[in-house]
Amino acid sequence: MSSNTPVILKRIHAQRLREMYRSAGWPYQDSVEIELLAAGLLERISSVGGHESMRVTDAGIAHLARAADGNRQTRSAHETLVGQVVQAMLRDGRLVWIGLSLRARLADAAGAEIRWKMCQPDVFSIRNSSKPEYLEPVVHEIKVSRADLLGDLKKTDKRQAYLDVGGQCWYVLGCDRSGHPIAKPNEIPVECGVMVFQNQQFEVARMAPKKTVNPLPFSVWMALAKATPVPGLDLDDSQSALSCP
């Protein structure tokens, strides 16, 4: 890297800056630290005893502020899209939960159970039915950032956990600043459906394969019993009672 080559700052650089800002500034002496020093976001401080530490510069503080603002915008966009999915599921007459922690079973290729994993789907819903075979649980995973999506797709265990607790798993994709979806359907594993929220409406880019989940695992029932579903669209507490289809 020449002295005239600008440093391309990534999420890991902001994470390191936050660590340095909160700590005593002990050096890591790795490539991330070198790049932050070269960008002028960190500076070296020598103590009287000759020990060297790192300090976040004013430019580094400004970079942290910009990163925090970007994170807030991403969270806001994510929460907005979660709300859109919730409303769509409620309009379909489904019982909807957000913020659930569900225990899923992960199995090897031969189908043998090997371990349990906790998962937290963005939106989990079931049909409003008193018959277990008609519940049709569905998981919606919402993504508004391409970087977040690509990182998530590497987590095979997380996706398999969603498929275990849901009869269907959908990736719901937002759009970038240019109005284009953050990913193409062929970038999403075929075991999941793909939905795009564009022009204030949902477009199904690829249907989600459906599998039978009958009955719902006991651990899922317990999680649902302890949690409160999202209130229905009307004011008569329509989600408080199950009805037959």
Protein backbone atom coordinates (compact mmCIF):
# COMPACT_ATOMS: atom_id res chain seq x y z
CA MET A 1 0.00 0.00 0.00
CA SER A 2 1.55 3.30 -1.08
CA SER A 3 1.29 6.46 1.01
CA ASN A 4 -1.14 7.88 -1.57
CA THR A 5 -3.50 4.91 -1.53
CA PRO A 6 -6.59 5.63 0.60
CA VAL A 7 -7.55 3.04 3.19
CA ILE A 8 -10.88 1.37 2.44
CA LEU A 9 -12.68 1.40 5.79
CA LYS A 10 -14.97 -1.51 6.63
CA ARG A 11 -17.16 -2.53 9.55
CA ILE A 12 -14.22 -4.17 11.32
CA HIS A 13 -12.42 -0.80 11.42
CA ALA A 14 -15.36 0.86 13.20
CA GLN A 15 -15.55 -2.09 15.61
CA ARG A 16 -11.87 -1.73 16.45
CA LEU A 17 -12.23 2.01 16.96
CA ARG A 18 -15.09 1.41 19.41
CA GLU A 19 -12.94 -1.11 21.29
CA MET A 20 -10.08 1.35 21.48
CA TYR A 21 -12.35 4.19 22.60
CA ARG A 22 -13.74 2.05 25.46
CA SER A 23 -10.43 0.53 26.54
CA ALA A 24 -7.02 1.59 27.77
CA GLY A 25 -5.81 1.55 24.17
CA TRP A 26 -3.46 -1.42 24.32
CA PRO A 27 -2.14 -2.05 20.78
CA TYR A 28 -3.17 -5.12 18.79
CA GLN A 29 -0.30 -4.73 16.34
CA ASP A 30 -2.26 -6.23 13.45
CA SER A 31 -3.27 -5.12 9.95
CA VAL A 32 -6.50 -3.47 11.11
CA GLU A 33 -4.55 -1.29 13.53
CA ILE A 34 -2.01 -0.42 10.83
CA GLU A 35 -4.80 0.68 8.47
CA LEU A 36 -6.44 2.81 11.18
CA LEU A 37 -3.10 4.46 11.91
CA ALA A 38 -2.53 5.11 8.20
CA ALA A 39 -6.01 6.63 7.90
CA GLY A 40 -5.33 8.96 10.83
CA LEU A 41 -8.14 7.49 12.94
CA LEU A 42 -5.74 6.18 15.58
CA GLU A 43 -2.54 7.65 16.92
CA ARG A 44 0.30 6.22 18.99
CA ILE A 45 0.93 7.56 22.48
CA SER A 46 4.15 6.81 24.39
CA SER A 47 4.16 6.89 28.19
CA VAL A 48 7.02 8.10 30.36
CA GLY A 49 8.02 4.48 30.92
CA GLY A 50 8.26 3.87 27.19
CA HIS A 51 5.03 1.87 26.86
CA GLU A 52 3.02 2.56 23.74
CA SER A 53 -0.77 2.79 23.62
CA MET A 54 -3.35 3.84 21.04
CA ARG A 55 -5.75 6.77 21.15
CA VAL A 56 -8.72 7.49 18.92
CA THR A 57 -8.14 10.79 17.11
CA ASP A 58 -10.74 13.47 16.44
CA ALA A 59 -11.07 12.05 12.91
CA GLY A 60 -11.66 8.63 14.47
CA ILE A 61 -14.42 10.04 16.68
CA ALA A 62 -16.06 11.58 13.61
CA HIS A 63 -15.87 8.23 11.81
CA LEU A 64 -17.49 6.50 14.80
CA ALA A 65 -20.31 9.06 14.77
CA ARG A 66 -20.95 8.46 11.05
CA ALA A 67 -20.89 4.69 11.59
CA ALA A 68 -23.36 4.98 14.49
CA ASP A 69 -25.71 7.06 12.35
CA GLY A 70 -25.51 4.50 9.56
CA ASN A 71 -26.30 1.72 12.04
CA ARG A 72 -29.33 3.64 13.32
CA GLN A 73 -30.61 4.12 9.77
CA THR A 74 -30.16 0.41 9.03
CA ARG A 75 -31.96 -0.58 12.24
CA SER A 76 -34.78 1.83 11.43
CA ALA A 77 -35.16 0.43 7.90
CA HIS A 78 -35.07 -3.12 9.31
CA GLU A 79 -37.71 -2.37 11.95
CA THR A 80 -39.92 -0.70 9.33
CA LEU A 81 -39.76 -3.74 7.04
CA VAL A 82 -40.40 -6.08 9.98
CA GLY A 83 -43.55 -4.05 10.65
CA GLN A 84 -44.65 -4.39 7.02
CA VAL A 85 -44.26 -8.18 7.17
CA VAL A 86 -46.15 -8.32 10.48
CA GLN A 87 -49.04 -6.33 9.02
CA ALA A 88 -49.15 -8.58 5.95
CA MET A 89 -49.32 -11.69 8.14
CA LEU A 90 -52.04 -10.15 10.31
CA ARG A 91 -54.08 -9.29 7.22
CA ASP A 92 -53.81 -12.96 6.27
CA GLY A 93 -55.41 -13.78 9.63
CA ARG A 94 -52.28 -15.33 11.13
CA LEU A 95 -51.00 -15.21 14.72
CA VAL A 96 -47.72 -13.31 14.70
CA TRP A 97 -44.75 -13.04 17.07
CA ILE A 98 -41.56 -11.00 16.95
CA GLY A 99 -38.57 -11.29 19.26
CA LEU A 100 -39.07 -15.00 19.93
CA SER A 101 -36.19 -17.24 21.03
CA LEU A 102 -36.89 -20.74 19.73
CA ARG A 103 -34.97 -23.96 20.25
CA ALA A 104 -34.35 -25.85 17.02
CA ARG A 105 -32.99 -29.31 16.26
CA LEU A 106 -30.04 -29.55 13.92
CA ALA A 107 -29.51 -32.84 12.14
CA ASP A 108 -26.74 -34.25 9.98
CA ALA A 109 -27.16 -35.38 6.37
CA ALA A 110 -28.40 -38.80 7.50
CA GLY A 111 -31.17 -37.18 9.54
CA ALA A 112 -29.71 -38.05 12.93
CA GLU A 113 -30.24 -35.40 15.60
CA ILE A 114 -26.92 -33.99 16.70
CA ARG A 115 -27.55 -30.84 18.75
CA TRP A 116 -29.93 -28.06 19.70
CA LYS A 117 -29.59 -24.44 18.64
CA MET A 118 -31.41 -21.30 19.72
CA CYS A 119 -32.68 -19.08 16.92
CA GLN A 120 -34.48 -15.73 16.84
CA PRO A 121 -36.54 -15.28 13.67
CA ASP A 122 -37.48 -11.72 12.81
CA VAL A 123 -41.10 -12.75 12.34
CA PHE A 124 -42.73 -16.08 13.29
CA SER A 125 -46.36 -16.82 12.52
CA ILE A 126 -48.89 -19.62 12.48
CA ARG A 127 -52.39 -19.95 11.06
CA ASN A 128 -55.30 -19.04 13.33
CA SER A 129 -56.46 -22.64 13.77
CA SER A 130 -57.25 -25.03 16.61
CA LYS A 131 -56.03 -28.02 14.57
CA PRO A 132 -52.27 -28.69 14.85
CA GLU A 133 -52.08 -30.03 11.31
CA TYR A 134 -53.34 -26.71 9.93
CA LEU A 135 -51.00 -24.36 11.79
CA GLU A 136 -48.42 -24.02 8.98
CA PRO A 137 -45.65 -22.19 10.91
CA VAL A 138 -43.67 -19.71 8.82
CA VAL A 139 -40.40 -17.86 9.48
CA HIS A 140 -39.62 -14.53 7.82
CA GLU A 141 -36.03 -13.29 7.95
CA ILE A 142 -35.79 -9.61 7.01
CA LYS A 143 -32.69 -8.12 5.38
CA VAL A 144 -32.18 -4.49 4.35
CA SER A 145 -28.37 -4.51 4.04
CA ARG A 146 -26.53 -6.55 1.42
CA ALA A 147 -23.49 -6.92 3.68
CA ASP A 148 -25.70 -8.23 6.49
CA LEU A 149 -27.43 -10.61 4.08
CA LEU A 150 -24.20 -12.06 2.70
CA GLY A 151 -22.86 -12.56 6.21
CA ASP A 152 -26.10 -14.25 7.25
CA LEU A 153 -26.09 -16.63 4.28
CA LYS A 154 -22.80 -18.09 5.52
CA LYS A 155 -24.52 -19.22 8.74
CA THR A 156 -25.84 -22.59 7.63
CA ASP A 157 -26.82 -23.60 11.17
CA LYS A 158 -28.98 -20.51 11.56
CA ARG A 159 -30.85 -21.22 8.34
CA GLN A 160 -31.33 -24.90 9.23
CA ALA A 161 -32.70 -23.84 12.61
CA TYR A 162 -35.30 -21.65 10.88
CA LEU A 163 -36.28 -24.55 8.64
CA ASP A 164 -36.69 -26.78 11.67
CA VAL A 165 -39.12 -24.51 13.52
CA GLY A 166 -40.99 -23.35 10.41
CA GLY A 167 -42.75 -25.15 7.63
CA GLN A 168 -41.51 -22.38 5.36
CA CYS A 169 -38.60 -19.95 5.59
CA TRP A 170 -38.69 -16.72 3.63
CA TYR A 171 -35.97 -14.12 3.09
CA VAL A 172 -37.60 -10.72 2.76
CA LEU A 173 -35.27 -8.30 0.97
CA GLY A 174 -35.30 -4.54 1.03
CA CYS A 175 -33.89 -2.26 -1.64
CA ASP A 176 -30.74 -0.17 -1.80
CA ARG A 177 -30.62 3.60 -2.21
CA SER A 178 -31.05 3.21 -5.96
CA GLY A 179 -34.29 1.31 -5.44
CA HIS A 180 -32.88 -2.05 -6.51
CA PRO A 181 -33.28 -5.23 -4.41
CA ILE A 182 -30.19 -5.93 -2.30
CA ALA A 183 -29.85 -9.43 -3.83
CA LYS A 184 -31.12 -11.64 -6.62
CA PRO A 185 -33.22 -14.74 -5.92
CA ASN A 186 -30.45 -17.09 -7.12
CA GLU A 187 -28.21 -15.78 -4.33
CA ILE A 188 -30.58 -17.20 -1.71
CA PRO A 189 -30.44 -20.96 -0.95
CA VAL A 190 -33.16 -22.88 -2.78
CA GLU A 191 -34.64 -24.25 0.44
CA CYS A 192 -35.86 -20.73 1.25
CA GLY A 193 -38.38 -18.49 -0.44
CA VAL A 194 -37.53 -14.97 -1.59
CA MET A 195 -39.76 -11.93 -1.26
CA VAL A 196 -38.83 -8.36 -2.21
CA PHE A 197 -40.39 -5.22 -0.74
CA GLN A 198 -40.33 -2.73 -3.59
CA ASN A 199 -42.52 0.25 -4.43
CA GLN A 200 -44.32 -0.19 -1.11
CA GLN A 201 -45.49 -3.70 -1.92
CA PHE A 202 -44.28 -7.27 -1.59
CA GLU A 203 -43.28 -9.21 -4.68
CA VAL A 204 -42.70 -12.96 -4.51
CA ALA A 205 -39.46 -13.63 -6.38
CA ARG A 206 -39.43 -17.35 -5.55
CA MET A 207 -41.88 -19.48 -3.60
CA ALA A 208 -40.68 -21.11 -0.42
CA PRO A 209 -40.80 -24.92 -0.41
CA LYS A 210 -43.35 -26.12 2.12
CA LYS A 211 -42.79 -28.96 4.55
CA THR A 212 -45.09 -30.46 7.12
CA VAL A 213 -44.42 -29.55 10.74
CA ASN A 214 -46.91 -31.65 12.67
CA PRO A 215 -47.07 -31.32 15.55
CA LEU A 216 -45.16 -28.19 16.52
CA PRO A 217 -42.21 -29.13 18.75
CA PHE A 218 -42.95 -28.85 22.47
CA SER A 219 -40.15 -26.28 22.89
CA VAL A 220 -41.85 -24.04 20.30
CA TRP A 221 -45.22 -24.37 22.05
CA MET A 222 -43.59 -23.37 25.34
CA ALA A 223 -41.95 -20.32 23.75
CA LEU A 224 -45.28 -19.25 22.23
CA ALA A 225 -47.08 -19.77 25.54
CA LYS A 226 -44.60 -17.49 27.34
CA ALA A 227 -44.66 -14.76 24.69
CA THR A 228 -47.34 -12.29 23.61
CA PRO A 229 -48.42 -12.23 19.97
CA VAL A 230 -48.58 -8.99 18.05
CA PRO A 231 -52.04 -7.40 18.53
CA GLY A 232 -54.46 -7.98 15.69
CA LEU A 233 -55.51 -5.32 13.22
CA ASP A 234 -58.88 -4.77 14.90
CA LEU A 235 -59.61 -3.86 18.49
CA ASP A 236 -61.53 -6.96 19.53
CA ASP A 237 -58.40 -8.93 20.45
CA SER A 238 -58.97 -11.24 17.50
CA GLN A 239 -55.79 -13.16 18.23
CA SER A 240 -56.87 -14.13 21.74
CA ALA A 241 -58.95 -17.08 20.54
CA LEU A 242 -58.19 -19.79 18.02
CA SER A 243 -60.77 -20.75 15.43
CA CYS A 244 -61.06 -23.72 13.17
CA PRO A 245 -60.26 -23.13 9.50
